Each structure stands twice: as C-alpha cells, then as structure tokens.
Amino acid sequence: MQTRDCKDVDAQFARKKPCVDCPFRNDGKALKLAEGRLESILGGLLSQADGTFHCHETVYKEGNENFDANGNYAPTEIHQCAGAASVMQKLGQDTQIVQVAMRMGIIKHDHYEKSHPLTIDPNALDREAIHKSISQRREEVVNQVKEKLLIR
C-alpha cells in the first residue's frame, strides 16, 4: 500500500482559484468540454457517486510526470479543482473531499470563496441534464454494490 505524508494532503488544496482555462470559468477562457460534460461532472458530485474532481492541469501533466518508470499512472501532486468546488458551493453542497478537509481543519469554509466570481452560474446550466446525471450515477453505484454483494 502506498503511503503519503501530510504535504500531499495540503497540496491537494493548494489551489483556491480556478486555473487559467478551468472548464468552470465564466470569463470565456474556459477549456471547452463536450456538450453536457459539465452537467455530468456536477451530477456525479451532487449524487456523491464521485467524491471529488481533480484539476485537469495536475492530472494531465506534460513530460509523463504522472507516470512511474513502468508507465503506470502514479500521480505525485494532484490538486482539487477549485472551479468545480466553487460551483458546488454555489449549488449549496461541498464535494465529499472538501467536506472532509473542512472537518479535519485542513481548509476553512471560505477556502474557495474567491473563486465564486470567477466561475459559472450553475443556474445557466441544463438542470434537467444534471438531474439525469445524478440519477444515472446513483443507479451505477447501486449496481456496483449489488454486483459486489452478488445480489441479482
């Protein structure tokens, strides 16, 4: 089992504002995602099927920095997506990992507050698509649990 020290935990919450081309930005600099992808991400987070969403800049690094000598994906410093965390707060719910970090005193409740003016208004998204994503993600989780418990 791989162990990590406390600096890895702190690094996860190093970003307090969305990166330059965060897909959750509201200033036209956002990375364009496939239609419905933002709603799908938020649906996964709101359903709690997905406990977190990582910053794309730290997940996909140039130079294969996130791969070990054998080519296995082994990230060393991944940050939480400040944009996703901010939009979730606008929706009235923190991601699971943000909730845990607040309870443990790693971050304060206002950690992503400065991101709010920089991120999209969730009311401008397709609410029906978000609700559909929530239902799909919940169903996937239930099916995974049933499969693990061999319930038919």
N, C-alpha and C. Protein backbone atom coordinates (compact mmCIF):
# COMPACT_ATOMS: atom_id res chain seq x y z
N MET A 1 0.84 -1.18 0.00
CA MET A 1 0.00 0.00 0.00
C MET A 1 0.88 1.25 0.00
N GLN A 2 0.54 2.19 -0.86
CA GLN A 2 1.31 3.42 -0.95
C GLN A 2 0.89 4.38 0.16
N THR A 3 1.86 4.95 0.85
CA THR A 3 1.56 5.92 1.89
C THR A 3 2.00 7.30 1.43
N ARG A 4 1.35 8.30 1.95
CA ARG A 4 1.68 9.69 1.60
C ARG A 4 1.80 10.49 2.88
N ASP A 5 2.57 11.55 2.82
CA ASP A 5 2.70 12.36 4.02
C ASP A 5 1.77 13.56 3.96
N CYS A 6 1.75 14.35 5.00
CA CYS A 6 0.80 15.47 5.13
C CYS A 6 0.94 16.51 4.03
N LYS A 7 2.15 16.70 3.50
CA LYS A 7 2.31 17.72 2.46
C LYS A 7 1.48 17.37 1.23
N ASP A 8 1.25 16.06 0.98
CA ASP A 8 0.41 15.66 -0.14
C ASP A 8 -1.03 16.13 0.08
N VAL A 9 -1.49 16.05 1.31
CA VAL A 9 -2.85 16.49 1.64
C VAL A 9 -2.95 18.00 1.45
N ASP A 10 -2.00 18.74 1.96
CA ASP A 10 -2.00 20.19 1.78
C ASP A 10 -1.96 20.57 0.30
N ALA A 11 -1.15 19.84 -0.46
CA ALA A 11 -1.02 20.13 -1.89
C ALA A 11 -2.34 19.96 -2.62
N GLN A 12 -3.17 19.01 -2.18
CA GLN A 12 -4.46 18.79 -2.83
C GLN A 12 -5.33 20.04 -2.81
N PHE A 13 -5.15 20.86 -1.79
CA PHE A 13 -5.99 22.05 -1.63
C PHE A 13 -5.22 23.34 -1.86
N ALA A 14 -4.10 23.24 -2.59
CA ALA A 14 -3.26 24.41 -2.83
C ALA A 14 -3.95 25.46 -3.69
N ARG A 15 -4.78 25.02 -4.61
CA ARG A 15 -5.46 25.98 -5.50
C ARG A 15 -6.73 26.48 -4.83
N LYS A 16 -6.83 27.79 -4.74
CA LYS A 16 -8.03 28.40 -4.18
C LYS A 16 -8.87 29.05 -5.26
N LYS A 17 -8.29 29.22 -6.43
CA LYS A 17 -8.99 29.80 -7.57
C LYS A 17 -8.84 28.87 -8.77
N PRO A 18 -9.79 28.93 -9.70
CA PRO A 18 -9.68 28.06 -10.87
C PRO A 18 -8.45 28.40 -11.72
N CYS A 19 -7.88 27.39 -12.36
CA CYS A 19 -6.72 27.62 -13.21
C CYS A 19 -7.14 28.44 -14.43
N VAL A 20 -6.17 28.83 -15.21
CA VAL A 20 -6.37 29.75 -16.33
C VAL A 20 -7.45 29.29 -17.31
N ASP A 21 -7.50 27.99 -17.59
CA ASP A 21 -8.51 27.50 -18.54
C ASP A 21 -9.44 26.46 -17.93
N CYS A 22 -9.70 26.60 -16.65
CA CYS A 22 -10.62 25.70 -15.95
C CYS A 22 -11.96 25.67 -16.69
N PRO A 23 -12.52 24.49 -16.91
CA PRO A 23 -13.80 24.43 -17.62
C PRO A 23 -14.96 25.06 -16.87
N PHE A 24 -14.77 25.38 -15.60
CA PHE A 24 -15.82 26.00 -14.80
C PHE A 24 -15.71 27.52 -14.77
N ARG A 25 -14.73 28.09 -15.48
CA ARG A 25 -14.57 29.56 -15.52
C ARG A 25 -15.73 30.21 -16.27
N ASN A 26 -15.97 31.47 -15.95
CA ASN A 26 -17.07 32.19 -16.61
C ASN A 26 -16.60 33.32 -17.51
N ASP A 27 -15.31 33.39 -17.77
CA ASP A 27 -14.77 34.55 -18.49
C ASP A 27 -14.37 34.29 -19.93
N GLY A 28 -14.83 33.20 -20.51
CA GLY A 28 -14.51 32.90 -21.89
C GLY A 28 -13.16 32.22 -22.09
N LYS A 29 -12.40 32.03 -21.04
CA LYS A 29 -11.10 31.36 -21.14
C LYS A 29 -11.21 29.86 -20.86
N ALA A 30 -12.40 29.42 -20.52
CA ALA A 30 -12.61 28.03 -20.11
C ALA A 30 -12.31 27.04 -21.22
N LEU A 31 -11.71 25.94 -20.83
CA LEU A 31 -11.50 24.82 -21.72
C LEU A 31 -12.88 24.32 -22.14
N LYS A 32 -13.09 24.17 -23.42
CA LYS A 32 -14.40 23.72 -23.92
C LYS A 32 -14.50 22.21 -23.79
N LEU A 33 -15.53 21.77 -23.13
CA LEU A 33 -15.79 20.34 -22.97
C LEU A 33 -16.93 19.93 -23.89
N ALA A 34 -17.07 18.64 -24.08
CA ALA A 34 -18.18 18.13 -24.88
C ALA A 34 -19.50 18.57 -24.26
N GLU A 35 -20.49 18.74 -25.11
CA GLU A 35 -21.80 19.18 -24.64
C GLU A 35 -22.31 18.22 -23.55
N GLY A 36 -22.76 18.79 -22.45
CA GLY A 36 -23.30 18.01 -21.35
C GLY A 36 -22.27 17.53 -20.34
N ARG A 37 -20.98 17.72 -20.63
CA ARG A 37 -19.94 17.21 -19.73
C ARG A 37 -19.94 17.93 -18.39
N LEU A 38 -20.11 19.26 -18.39
CA LEU A 38 -20.16 19.98 -17.11
C LEU A 38 -21.31 19.48 -16.24
N GLU A 39 -22.46 19.29 -16.86
CA GLU A 39 -23.62 18.78 -16.13
C GLU A 39 -23.35 17.38 -15.59
N SER A 40 -22.64 16.57 -16.39
CA SER A 40 -22.30 15.22 -15.97
C SER A 40 -21.35 15.23 -14.77
N ILE A 41 -20.36 16.10 -14.81
CA ILE A 41 -19.41 16.22 -13.69
C ILE A 41 -20.16 16.63 -12.43
N LEU A 42 -20.98 17.66 -12.54
CA LEU A 42 -21.72 18.14 -11.37
C LEU A 42 -22.72 17.10 -10.88
N GLY A 43 -23.34 16.37 -11.79
CA GLY A 43 -24.26 15.30 -11.40
C GLY A 43 -23.55 14.23 -10.59
N GLY A 44 -22.35 13.87 -11.01
CA GLY A 44 -21.57 12.89 -10.27
C GLY A 44 -21.22 13.37 -8.88
N LEU A 45 -20.88 14.65 -8.77
CA LEU A 45 -20.53 15.22 -7.47
C LEU A 45 -21.76 15.38 -6.58
N LEU A 46 -22.86 15.86 -7.16
CA LEU A 46 -24.09 16.06 -6.38
C LEU A 46 -24.69 14.74 -5.91
N SER A 47 -24.54 13.69 -6.70
CA SER A 47 -25.07 12.38 -6.32
C SER A 47 -24.19 11.72 -5.27
N GLN A 48 -23.02 12.26 -5.08
CA GLN A 48 -21.98 11.74 -4.18
C GLN A 48 -21.42 10.42 -4.67
N ALA A 49 -21.69 10.07 -5.93
CA ALA A 49 -21.05 8.90 -6.54
C ALA A 49 -19.59 9.22 -6.79
N ASP A 50 -19.31 10.48 -7.07
CA ASP A 50 -17.94 10.96 -7.24
C ASP A 50 -17.64 11.87 -6.06
N GLY A 51 -16.63 11.54 -5.29
CA GLY A 51 -16.31 12.32 -4.09
C GLY A 51 -15.48 13.55 -4.35
N THR A 52 -14.92 13.62 -5.56
CA THR A 52 -14.04 14.73 -5.87
C THR A 52 -13.91 14.91 -7.37
N PHE A 53 -13.33 16.03 -7.74
CA PHE A 53 -12.99 16.28 -9.14
C PHE A 53 -11.65 17.00 -9.11
N HIS A 54 -10.66 16.42 -9.79
CA HIS A 54 -9.31 16.96 -9.76
C HIS A 54 -9.08 17.98 -10.87
N CYS A 55 -8.17 18.91 -10.61
CA CYS A 55 -7.78 19.92 -11.58
C CYS A 55 -7.10 19.24 -12.77
N HIS A 56 -7.58 19.56 -13.97
CA HIS A 56 -7.03 18.92 -15.17
C HIS A 56 -5.55 19.24 -15.36
N GLU A 57 -5.11 20.41 -14.90
CA GLU A 57 -3.70 20.77 -15.06
C GLU A 57 -2.78 19.88 -14.23
N THR A 58 -3.29 19.34 -13.14
CA THR A 58 -2.45 18.49 -12.30
C THR A 58 -2.63 17.01 -12.62
N VAL A 59 -3.72 16.66 -13.27
CA VAL A 59 -3.96 15.27 -13.65
C VAL A 59 -3.20 14.95 -14.93
N TYR A 60 -3.27 15.84 -15.90
CA TYR A 60 -2.62 15.64 -17.20
C TYR A 60 -1.41 16.55 -17.30
N LYS A 61 -0.26 16.06 -16.89
CA LYS A 61 0.97 16.85 -16.94
C LYS A 61 1.80 16.44 -18.16
N GLU A 62 2.48 17.43 -18.72
CA GLU A 62 3.36 17.13 -19.84
C GLU A 62 4.61 16.44 -19.34
N GLY A 63 5.26 15.70 -20.22
CA GLY A 63 6.50 15.04 -19.85
C GLY A 63 6.30 13.77 -19.05
N ASN A 64 5.08 13.23 -19.04
CA ASN A 64 4.78 11.99 -18.32
C ASN A 64 5.14 12.04 -16.84
N GLU A 65 5.04 13.22 -16.24
CA GLU A 65 5.37 13.38 -14.82
C GLU A 65 4.49 12.54 -13.91
N ASN A 66 3.29 12.20 -14.35
CA ASN A 66 2.38 11.43 -13.50
C ASN A 66 2.43 9.93 -13.77
N PHE A 67 3.52 9.47 -14.41
CA PHE A 67 3.68 8.05 -14.68
C PHE A 67 4.99 7.56 -14.08
N ASP A 68 4.96 6.33 -13.56
CA ASP A 68 6.19 5.77 -12.98
C ASP A 68 7.07 5.19 -14.09
N ALA A 69 8.19 4.61 -13.70
CA ALA A 69 9.16 4.07 -14.67
C ALA A 69 8.57 2.96 -15.53
N ASN A 70 7.52 2.30 -15.04
CA ASN A 70 6.87 1.22 -15.80
C ASN A 70 5.71 1.71 -16.65
N GLY A 71 5.48 3.01 -16.65
CA GLY A 71 4.39 3.57 -17.44
C GLY A 71 3.03 3.54 -16.78
N ASN A 72 3.00 3.19 -15.49
CA ASN A 72 1.73 3.18 -14.74
C ASN A 72 1.39 4.57 -14.25
N TYR A 73 0.12 4.90 -14.31
CA TYR A 73 -0.33 6.21 -13.83
C TYR A 73 -0.11 6.27 -12.32
N ALA A 74 0.75 7.18 -11.89
CA ALA A 74 1.11 7.31 -10.48
C ALA A 74 1.32 8.79 -10.16
N PRO A 75 0.24 9.54 -10.08
CA PRO A 75 0.37 10.98 -9.86
C PRO A 75 1.05 11.30 -8.53
N THR A 76 1.81 12.36 -8.53
CA THR A 76 2.53 12.73 -7.31
C THR A 76 1.95 13.96 -6.64
N GLU A 77 1.32 14.82 -7.39
CA GLU A 77 0.74 16.03 -6.78
C GLU A 77 -0.50 16.45 -7.56
N ILE A 78 -1.65 16.00 -7.10
CA ILE A 78 -2.91 16.34 -7.76
C ILE A 78 -3.69 17.29 -6.87
N HIS A 79 -4.22 18.33 -7.47
CA HIS A 79 -5.00 19.32 -6.73
C HIS A 79 -6.49 19.12 -6.97
N GLN A 80 -7.28 19.54 -6.00
CA GLN A 80 -8.72 19.58 -6.19
C GLN A 80 -9.03 20.70 -7.17
N CYS A 81 -10.04 20.52 -8.00
CA CYS A 81 -10.43 21.56 -8.94
C CYS A 81 -11.17 22.66 -8.18
N ALA A 82 -10.55 23.83 -8.11
CA ALA A 82 -11.15 24.95 -7.40
C ALA A 82 -12.43 25.41 -8.10
N GLY A 83 -12.46 25.30 -9.42
CA GLY A 83 -13.66 25.68 -10.16
C GLY A 83 -14.84 24.80 -9.84
N ALA A 84 -14.64 23.50 -9.83
CA ALA A 84 -15.72 22.56 -9.50
C ALA A 84 -16.17 22.75 -8.06
N ALA A 85 -15.20 22.92 -7.15
CA ALA A 85 -15.53 23.12 -5.73
C ALA A 85 -16.35 24.39 -5.55
N SER A 86 -16.00 25.43 -6.28
CA SER A 86 -16.73 26.70 -6.19
C SER A 86 -18.16 26.56 -6.70
N VAL A 87 -18.32 25.93 -7.85
CA VAL A 87 -19.67 25.76 -8.41
C VAL A 87 -20.52 24.89 -7.50
N MET A 88 -19.91 23.86 -6.92
CA MET A 88 -20.65 23.03 -5.96
C MET A 88 -21.13 23.87 -4.77
N GLN A 89 -20.27 24.75 -4.28
CA GLN A 89 -20.69 25.62 -3.18
C GLN A 89 -21.83 26.53 -3.60
N LYS A 90 -21.79 27.00 -4.84
CA LYS A 90 -22.90 27.82 -5.34
C LYS A 90 -24.20 27.03 -5.37
N LEU A 91 -24.08 25.71 -5.54
CA LEU A 91 -25.25 24.84 -5.54
C LEU A 91 -25.66 24.44 -4.11
N GLY A 92 -24.88 24.89 -3.14
CA GLY A 92 -25.22 24.64 -1.74
C GLY A 92 -24.69 23.33 -1.18
N GLN A 93 -23.71 22.73 -1.87
CA GLN A 93 -23.16 21.46 -1.41
C GLN A 93 -21.67 21.41 -1.72
N ASP A 94 -20.87 21.05 -0.74
CA ASP A 94 -19.45 20.85 -0.97
C ASP A 94 -19.21 19.43 -1.45
N THR A 95 -18.12 19.24 -2.20
CA THR A 95 -17.75 17.89 -2.59
C THR A 95 -17.39 17.11 -1.32
N GLN A 96 -17.42 15.80 -1.42
CA GLN A 96 -17.12 14.97 -0.24
C GLN A 96 -15.73 15.27 0.31
N ILE A 97 -14.72 15.37 -0.56
CA ILE A 97 -13.36 15.59 -0.08
C ILE A 97 -13.22 16.97 0.57
N VAL A 98 -13.93 17.96 0.06
CA VAL A 98 -13.90 19.29 0.67
C VAL A 98 -14.57 19.24 2.04
N GLN A 99 -15.66 18.51 2.17
CA GLN A 99 -16.31 18.36 3.47
C GLN A 99 -15.35 17.73 4.48
N VAL A 100 -14.66 16.68 4.06
CA VAL A 100 -13.71 16.00 4.96
C VAL A 100 -12.58 16.96 5.34
N ALA A 101 -12.05 17.67 4.36
CA ALA A 101 -10.94 18.60 4.64
C ALA A 101 -11.37 19.71 5.61
N MET A 102 -12.58 20.18 5.48
CA MET A 102 -13.07 21.21 6.42
C MET A 102 -13.22 20.63 7.82
N ARG A 103 -13.79 19.44 7.90
CA ARG A 103 -13.97 18.81 9.22
C ARG A 103 -12.65 18.52 9.91
N MET A 104 -11.62 18.23 9.12
CA MET A 104 -10.31 17.93 9.69
C MET A 104 -9.47 19.19 9.93
N GLY A 105 -10.00 20.35 9.55
CA GLY A 105 -9.29 21.60 9.76
C GLY A 105 -8.19 21.85 8.74
N ILE A 106 -8.20 21.12 7.64
CA ILE A 106 -7.18 21.32 6.60
C ILE A 106 -7.45 22.60 5.83
N ILE A 107 -8.73 22.87 5.58
CA ILE A 107 -9.13 24.12 4.93
C ILE A 107 -10.30 24.71 5.71
N LYS A 108 -10.52 26.00 5.49
CA LYS A 108 -11.65 26.68 6.12
C LYS A 108 -12.83 26.71 5.15
N HIS A 109 -14.01 27.00 5.69
CA HIS A 109 -15.21 27.02 4.87
C HIS A 109 -15.11 28.01 3.70
N ASP A 110 -14.38 29.09 3.90
CA ASP A 110 -14.28 30.11 2.85
C ASP A 110 -13.12 29.86 1.88
N HIS A 111 -12.53 28.68 1.91
CA HIS A 111 -11.34 28.36 1.11
C HIS A 111 -11.53 28.71 -0.38
N TYR A 112 -12.70 28.43 -0.94
CA TYR A 112 -12.95 28.65 -2.37
C TYR A 112 -13.79 29.90 -2.65
N GLU A 113 -14.02 30.71 -1.63
CA GLU A 113 -14.90 31.87 -1.77
C GLU A 113 -14.44 32.84 -2.87
N LYS A 114 -13.14 33.05 -3.01
CA LYS A 114 -12.63 33.97 -4.03
C LYS A 114 -12.82 33.42 -5.44
N SER A 115 -13.15 32.16 -5.55
CA SER A 115 -13.42 31.55 -6.86
C SER A 115 -14.82 31.85 -7.37
N HIS A 116 -15.74 32.14 -6.46
CA HIS A 116 -17.14 32.31 -6.85
C HIS A 116 -17.35 33.32 -7.98
N PRO A 117 -16.75 34.51 -7.93
CA PRO A 117 -16.98 35.44 -9.04
C PRO A 117 -16.34 34.99 -10.36
N LEU A 118 -15.43 34.02 -10.30
CA LEU A 118 -14.71 33.57 -11.50
C LEU A 118 -15.34 32.35 -12.16
N THR A 119 -16.35 31.76 -11.51
CA THR A 119 -16.92 30.52 -12.03
C THR A 119 -18.35 30.70 -12.52
N ILE A 120 -18.75 29.74 -13.32
CA ILE A 120 -20.07 29.80 -13.97
C ILE A 120 -21.21 29.81 -12.96
N ASP A 121 -22.31 30.35 -13.41
CA ASP A 121 -23.55 30.32 -12.63
C ASP A 121 -24.21 28.97 -12.92
N PRO A 122 -24.33 28.11 -11.92
CA PRO A 122 -24.91 26.78 -12.19
C PRO A 122 -26.34 26.85 -12.69
N ASN A 123 -27.03 27.95 -12.44
CA ASN A 123 -28.40 28.10 -12.93
C ASN A 123 -28.46 28.26 -14.44
N ALA A 124 -27.30 28.58 -15.05
CA ALA A 124 -27.25 28.73 -16.50
C ALA A 124 -27.05 27.38 -17.20
N LEU A 125 -26.79 26.33 -16.42
CA LEU A 125 -26.60 25.00 -16.99
C LEU A 125 -27.94 24.30 -17.17
N ASP A 126 -27.91 23.22 -17.90
CA ASP A 126 -29.10 22.42 -18.16
C ASP A 126 -29.44 21.60 -16.92
N ARG A 127 -30.39 22.09 -16.13
CA ARG A 127 -30.75 21.44 -14.86
C ARG A 127 -31.29 20.03 -15.07
N GLU A 128 -32.04 19.84 -16.15
CA GLU A 128 -32.58 18.52 -16.44
C GLU A 128 -31.44 17.53 -16.69
N ALA A 129 -30.40 17.97 -17.40
CA ALA A 129 -29.24 17.11 -17.66
C ALA A 129 -28.50 16.79 -16.36
N ILE A 130 -28.42 17.74 -15.45
CA ILE A 130 -27.78 17.50 -14.15
C ILE A 130 -28.58 16.45 -13.38
N HIS A 131 -29.89 16.60 -13.33
CA HIS A 131 -30.74 15.64 -12.61
C HIS A 131 -30.66 14.24 -13.24
N LYS A 132 -30.60 14.19 -14.56
CA LYS A 132 -30.47 12.91 -15.24
C LYS A 132 -29.13 12.27 -14.87
N SER A 133 -28.08 13.07 -14.84
CA SER A 133 -26.76 12.56 -14.47
C SER A 133 -26.74 12.04 -13.03
N ILE A 134 -27.40 12.77 -12.14
CA ILE A 134 -27.48 12.34 -10.74
C ILE A 134 -28.14 10.96 -10.67
N SER A 135 -29.26 10.79 -11.35
CA SER A 135 -29.98 9.51 -11.34
C SER A 135 -29.13 8.39 -11.92
N GLN A 136 -28.46 8.68 -13.03
CA GLN A 136 -27.61 7.66 -13.66
C GLN A 136 -26.47 7.25 -12.74
N ARG A 137 -25.81 8.22 -12.13
CA ARG A 137 -24.67 7.92 -11.25
C ARG A 137 -25.12 7.12 -10.04
N ARG A 138 -26.28 7.48 -9.47
CA ARG A 138 -26.79 6.72 -8.32
C ARG A 138 -27.11 5.29 -8.71
N GLU A 139 -27.71 5.12 -9.88
CA GLU A 139 -28.03 3.78 -10.35
C GLU A 139 -26.75 2.96 -10.57
N GLU A 140 -25.72 3.59 -11.13
CA GLU A 140 -24.44 2.90 -11.33
C GLU A 140 -23.87 2.43 -10.01
N VAL A 141 -23.92 3.28 -8.99
CA VAL A 141 -23.38 2.92 -7.68
C VAL A 141 -24.17 1.75 -7.09
N VAL A 142 -25.49 1.81 -7.17
CA VAL A 142 -26.32 0.73 -6.65
C VAL A 142 -25.98 -0.58 -7.36
N ASN A 143 -25.83 -0.53 -8.67
CA ASN A 143 -25.49 -1.74 -9.43
C ASN A 143 -24.11 -2.27 -9.06
N GLN A 144 -23.16 -1.38 -8.82
CA GLN A 144 -21.82 -1.81 -8.40
C GLN A 144 -21.88 -2.51 -7.04
N VAL A 145 -22.65 -1.94 -6.13
CA VAL A 145 -22.79 -2.55 -4.80
C VAL A 145 -23.46 -3.92 -4.92
N LYS A 146 -24.53 -3.98 -5.70
CA LYS A 146 -25.22 -5.26 -5.89
C LYS A 146 -24.27 -6.31 -6.47
N GLU A 147 -23.48 -5.90 -7.45
CA GLU A 147 -22.53 -6.82 -8.07
C GLU A 147 -21.50 -7.32 -7.05
N LYS A 148 -21.02 -6.43 -6.22
CA LYS A 148 -20.04 -6.82 -5.21
C LYS A 148 -20.64 -7.74 -4.16
N LEU A 149 -21.92 -7.54 -3.88
CA LEU A 149 -22.61 -8.37 -2.90
C LEU A 149 -23.28 -9.59 -3.54
N LEU A 150 -23.12 -9.67 -4.87
CA LEU A 150 -23.73 -10.76 -5.64
C LEU A 150 -25.25 -10.80 -5.49
N ILE A 151 -25.85 -9.62 -5.47
CA ILE A 151 -27.30 -9.51 -5.42
C ILE A 151 -27.81 -9.39 -6.85
N ARG A 152 -28.76 -10.17 -7.17
CA ARG A 152 -29.32 -10.14 -8.54
C ARG A 152 -30.69 -9.55 -8.56
